[in-house]
Amino acid sequence: MERILNKIKVKGAEKYLVQWKGFMAENDTWEKEEDLENAKELVDEFEGRLNAEVRQQERKEYKRSELLGNIWQGCCMDRTMENSRQNI
């Protein structure tokens, strides 16, 4: 094995997409988690990368929601100011 590329859950069981050393992508295979006991280091490495990607995506979504909140708040403030000017 060279590395783990992906993970899916099928009927409650996790499977990992394995890239085989010296083989092309068409030879990648989905392997059950229990069949990868001898490749624990590769599984742990993949899970670490996956967790890092999830954390990064969560940060992006938080920043995006914060930005949208600021835009929305600014939009409402502009309208409030316009309404105040019209009432004067």
N, C-alpha and C. Protein backbone atom coordinates (compact mmCIF):
# COMPACT_ATOMS: atom_id res chain seq x y z
N MET A 1 0.84 -1.18 0.00
CA MET A 1 0.00 0.00 0.00
C MET A 1 0.88 1.24 0.00
N GLU A 2 0.37 2.27 -0.71
CA GLU A 2 1.11 3.53 -0.73
C GLU A 2 0.45 4.55 0.19
N ARG A 3 -0.88 4.70 0.06
CA ARG A 3 -1.59 5.62 0.93
C ARG A 3 -3.09 5.40 0.83
N ILE A 4 -3.82 6.01 1.78
CA ILE A 4 -5.28 5.97 1.80
C ILE A 4 -5.76 7.27 1.14
N LEU A 5 -6.71 7.13 0.21
CA LEU A 5 -7.18 8.29 -0.56
C LEU A 5 -8.54 8.82 -0.12
N ASN A 6 -9.40 7.93 0.41
CA ASN A 6 -10.76 8.36 0.73
C ASN A 6 -11.38 7.36 1.70
N LYS A 7 -12.56 7.71 2.19
CA LYS A 7 -13.27 6.83 3.12
C LYS A 7 -14.75 6.97 2.87
N ILE A 8 -15.48 5.83 2.94
CA ILE A 8 -16.93 5.84 2.83
C ILE A 8 -17.49 4.89 3.89
N LYS A 9 -18.77 5.03 4.15
CA LYS A 9 -19.45 4.10 5.05
C LYS A 9 -20.49 3.36 4.24
N VAL A 10 -20.40 2.04 4.23
CA VAL A 10 -21.31 1.19 3.48
C VAL A 10 -21.96 0.22 4.45
N LYS A 11 -23.28 0.35 4.57
CA LYS A 11 -24.04 -0.52 5.48
C LYS A 11 -23.42 -0.54 6.88
N GLY A 12 -23.02 0.63 7.36
CA GLY A 12 -22.48 0.76 8.71
C GLY A 12 -21.01 0.42 8.85
N ALA A 13 -20.39 -0.09 7.81
CA ALA A 13 -18.97 -0.45 7.86
C ALA A 13 -18.14 0.56 7.07
N GLU A 14 -17.04 1.01 7.66
CA GLU A 14 -16.18 1.96 6.97
C GLU A 14 -15.25 1.22 6.00
N LYS A 15 -15.10 1.83 4.82
CA LYS A 15 -14.17 1.30 3.82
C LYS A 15 -13.25 2.43 3.40
N TYR A 16 -12.01 2.08 3.11
CA TYR A 16 -11.00 3.04 2.71
C TYR A 16 -10.55 2.75 1.28
N LEU A 17 -10.36 3.82 0.52
CA LEU A 17 -9.85 3.68 -0.84
C LEU A 17 -8.32 3.65 -0.75
N VAL A 18 -7.75 2.53 -1.17
CA VAL A 18 -6.31 2.30 -1.03
C VAL A 18 -5.62 2.49 -2.38
N GLN A 19 -4.55 3.28 -2.36
CA GLN A 19 -3.69 3.42 -3.53
C GLN A 19 -2.54 2.43 -3.33
N TRP A 20 -2.34 1.56 -4.30
CA TRP A 20 -1.33 0.51 -4.19
C TRP A 20 -0.02 0.99 -4.81
N LYS A 21 1.05 0.76 -4.08
CA LYS A 21 2.38 1.18 -4.52
C LYS A 21 2.73 0.51 -5.85
N GLY A 22 3.15 1.33 -6.81
CA GLY A 22 3.57 0.80 -8.10
C GLY A 22 2.45 0.55 -9.08
N PHE A 23 1.20 0.86 -8.70
CA PHE A 23 0.06 0.62 -9.57
C PHE A 23 -0.62 1.92 -9.96
N MET A 24 -1.35 1.91 -11.05
CA MET A 24 -2.08 3.07 -11.54
C MET A 24 -3.37 3.24 -10.74
N ALA A 25 -4.00 4.41 -10.90
CA ALA A 25 -5.22 4.75 -10.16
C ALA A 25 -6.36 3.75 -10.41
N GLU A 26 -6.42 3.18 -11.61
CA GLU A 26 -7.51 2.23 -11.89
C GLU A 26 -7.39 0.95 -11.05
N ASN A 27 -6.24 0.77 -10.39
CA ASN A 27 -6.06 -0.39 -9.53
C ASN A 27 -6.33 -0.09 -8.05
N ASP A 28 -6.73 1.17 -7.74
CA ASP A 28 -7.10 1.50 -6.37
C ASP A 28 -8.31 0.66 -5.98
N THR A 29 -8.36 0.24 -4.72
CA THR A 29 -9.46 -0.61 -4.27
C THR A 29 -10.03 -0.12 -2.94
N TRP A 30 -11.31 -0.43 -2.73
CA TRP A 30 -11.97 -0.14 -1.46
C TRP A 30 -11.76 -1.32 -0.54
N GLU A 31 -11.21 -1.07 0.64
CA GLU A 31 -10.90 -2.14 1.60
C GLU A 31 -11.61 -1.87 2.92
N LYS A 32 -12.12 -2.92 3.53
CA LYS A 32 -12.75 -2.80 4.84
C LYS A 32 -11.72 -2.38 5.88
N GLU A 33 -12.20 -1.64 6.88
CA GLU A 33 -11.33 -1.16 7.94
C GLU A 33 -10.59 -2.31 8.63
N GLU A 34 -11.30 -3.39 8.89
CA GLU A 34 -10.67 -4.52 9.60
C GLU A 34 -9.58 -5.20 8.76
N ASP A 35 -9.65 -5.04 7.46
CA ASP A 35 -8.62 -5.62 6.59
C ASP A 35 -7.35 -4.78 6.53
N LEU A 36 -7.38 -3.61 7.17
CA LEU A 36 -6.23 -2.70 7.14
C LEU A 36 -5.50 -2.64 8.49
N GLU A 37 -5.66 -3.67 9.30
CA GLU A 37 -5.01 -3.69 10.62
C GLU A 37 -3.49 -3.55 10.51
N ASN A 38 -2.90 -4.09 9.46
CA ASN A 38 -1.45 -4.00 9.29
C ASN A 38 -1.01 -2.65 8.71
N ALA A 39 -1.98 -1.81 8.39
CA ALA A 39 -1.67 -0.50 7.81
C ALA A 39 -2.21 0.62 8.70
N LYS A 40 -2.20 0.38 10.00
CA LYS A 40 -2.74 1.34 10.96
C LYS A 40 -2.11 2.72 10.80
N GLU A 41 -0.83 2.78 10.52
CA GLU A 41 -0.14 4.06 10.36
C GLU A 41 -0.71 4.85 9.18
N LEU A 42 -0.99 4.18 8.07
CA LEU A 42 -1.57 4.84 6.91
C LEU A 42 -3.00 5.32 7.20
N VAL A 43 -3.76 4.52 7.91
CA VAL A 43 -5.13 4.90 8.27
C VAL A 43 -5.08 6.12 9.19
N ASP A 44 -4.20 6.10 10.20
CA ASP A 44 -4.08 7.23 11.12
C ASP A 44 -3.65 8.50 10.39
N GLU A 45 -2.72 8.36 9.45
CA GLU A 45 -2.27 9.50 8.65
C GLU A 45 -3.43 10.09 7.85
N PHE A 46 -4.23 9.22 7.23
CA PHE A 46 -5.38 9.67 6.45
C PHE A 46 -6.39 10.37 7.36
N GLU A 47 -6.69 9.77 8.49
CA GLU A 47 -7.67 10.36 9.42
C GLU A 47 -7.18 11.73 9.90
N GLY A 48 -5.88 11.88 10.12
CA GLY A 48 -5.32 13.16 10.52
C GLY A 48 -5.51 14.21 9.43
N ARG A 49 -5.26 13.83 8.18
CA ARG A 49 -5.46 14.74 7.05
C ARG A 49 -6.94 15.10 6.92
N LEU A 50 -7.80 14.10 7.08
CA LEU A 50 -9.24 14.32 6.96
C LEU A 50 -9.72 15.28 8.04
N ASN A 51 -9.28 15.07 9.27
CA ASN A 51 -9.68 15.94 10.38
C ASN A 51 -9.18 17.36 10.15
N ALA A 52 -7.96 17.51 9.63
CA ALA A 52 -7.41 18.84 9.34
C ALA A 52 -8.24 19.53 8.27
N GLU A 53 -8.65 18.78 7.24
CA GLU A 53 -9.47 19.35 6.17
C GLU A 53 -10.83 19.78 6.69
N VAL A 54 -11.40 18.97 7.57
CA VAL A 54 -12.71 19.31 8.15
C VAL A 54 -12.59 20.58 8.98
N ARG A 55 -11.54 20.67 9.81
CA ARG A 55 -11.34 21.87 10.63
C ARG A 55 -11.14 23.09 9.74
N GLN A 56 -10.37 22.96 8.66
CA GLN A 56 -10.14 24.06 7.74
C GLN A 56 -11.45 24.50 7.09
N GLN A 57 -12.27 23.55 6.67
CA GLN A 57 -13.56 23.86 6.05
C GLN A 57 -14.47 24.56 7.05
N GLU A 58 -14.47 24.10 8.31
CA GLU A 58 -15.30 24.74 9.32
C GLU A 58 -14.87 26.19 9.54
N ARG A 59 -13.55 26.45 9.53
CA ARG A 59 -13.06 27.81 9.69
C ARG A 59 -13.51 28.68 8.51
N LYS A 60 -13.44 28.14 7.29
CA LYS A 60 -13.89 28.89 6.12
C LYS A 60 -15.36 29.22 6.23
N GLU A 61 -16.18 28.24 6.65
CA GLU A 61 -17.62 28.47 6.77
C GLU A 61 -17.92 29.50 7.85
N TYR A 62 -17.15 29.45 8.96
CA TYR A 62 -17.35 30.42 10.04
C TYR A 62 -17.01 31.82 9.54
N LYS A 63 -15.88 31.97 8.84
CA LYS A 63 -15.49 33.27 8.31
C LYS A 63 -16.53 33.77 7.32
N ARG A 64 -17.05 32.87 6.49
CA ARG A 64 -18.05 33.24 5.50
C ARG A 64 -19.32 33.72 6.19
N SER A 65 -19.77 32.98 7.22
CA SER A 65 -20.99 33.38 7.92
C SER A 65 -20.78 34.68 8.67
N GLU A 66 -19.58 34.89 9.21
CA GLU A 66 -19.26 36.13 9.89
C GLU A 66 -19.29 37.29 8.89
N LEU A 67 -18.72 37.09 7.72
CA LEU A 67 -18.71 38.11 6.68
C LEU A 67 -20.13 38.43 6.23
N LEU A 68 -20.93 37.38 6.00
CA LEU A 68 -22.32 37.60 5.58
C LEU A 68 -23.10 38.32 6.67
N GLY A 69 -22.84 37.99 7.91
CA GLY A 69 -23.49 38.68 9.03
C GLY A 69 -23.13 40.15 9.05
N ASN A 70 -21.86 40.46 8.81
CA ASN A 70 -21.43 41.85 8.77
C ASN A 70 -22.07 42.59 7.59
N ILE A 71 -22.14 41.93 6.45
CA ILE A 71 -22.76 42.55 5.28
C ILE A 71 -24.24 42.82 5.56
N TRP A 72 -24.91 41.82 6.15
CA TRP A 72 -26.34 41.97 6.46
C TRP A 72 -26.54 43.09 7.46
N GLN A 73 -25.70 43.13 8.48
CA GLN A 73 -25.81 44.17 9.50
C GLN A 73 -25.57 45.54 8.87
N GLY A 74 -24.58 45.64 8.00
CA GLY A 74 -24.31 46.90 7.31
C GLY A 74 -25.47 47.32 6.44
N CYS A 75 -26.08 46.35 5.78
CA CYS A 75 -27.23 46.63 4.92
C CYS A 75 -28.38 47.18 5.76
N CYS A 76 -28.64 46.57 6.90
CA CYS A 76 -29.73 47.02 7.78
C CYS A 76 -29.42 48.40 8.34
N MET A 77 -28.16 48.65 8.69
CA MET A 77 -27.78 49.96 9.22
C MET A 77 -27.99 51.03 8.16
N ASP A 78 -27.64 50.73 6.91
CA ASP A 78 -27.84 51.69 5.82
C ASP A 78 -29.32 52.02 5.67
N ARG A 79 -30.17 51.01 5.73
CA ARG A 79 -31.61 51.22 5.60
C ARG A 79 -32.15 52.03 6.77
N THR A 80 -31.67 51.73 7.98
CA THR A 80 -32.10 52.46 9.17
C THR A 80 -31.73 53.93 9.04
N MET A 81 -30.52 54.20 8.57
CA MET A 81 -30.06 55.57 8.40
C MET A 81 -30.90 56.28 7.33
N GLU A 82 -31.21 55.59 6.24
CA GLU A 82 -32.04 56.18 5.19
C GLU A 82 -33.42 56.52 5.72
N ASN A 83 -33.99 55.59 6.49
CA ASN A 83 -35.32 55.83 7.07
C ASN A 83 -35.28 57.01 8.04
N SER A 84 -34.22 57.13 8.81
CA SER A 84 -34.09 58.23 9.76
C SER A 84 -34.02 59.55 9.02
N ARG A 85 -33.27 59.61 7.94
CA ARG A 85 -33.13 60.84 7.16
C ARG A 85 -34.48 61.24 6.54
N GLN A 86 -35.23 60.24 6.09
CA GLN A 86 -36.51 60.53 5.46
C GLN A 86 -37.51 61.06 6.47
N ASN A 87 -37.41 60.65 7.72
CA ASN A 87 -38.33 61.07 8.76
C ASN A 87 -38.01 62.46 9.30
N ILE A 88 -36.84 62.98 8.97
CA ILE A 88 -36.43 64.29 9.51
C ILE A 88 -37.10 65.41 8.78
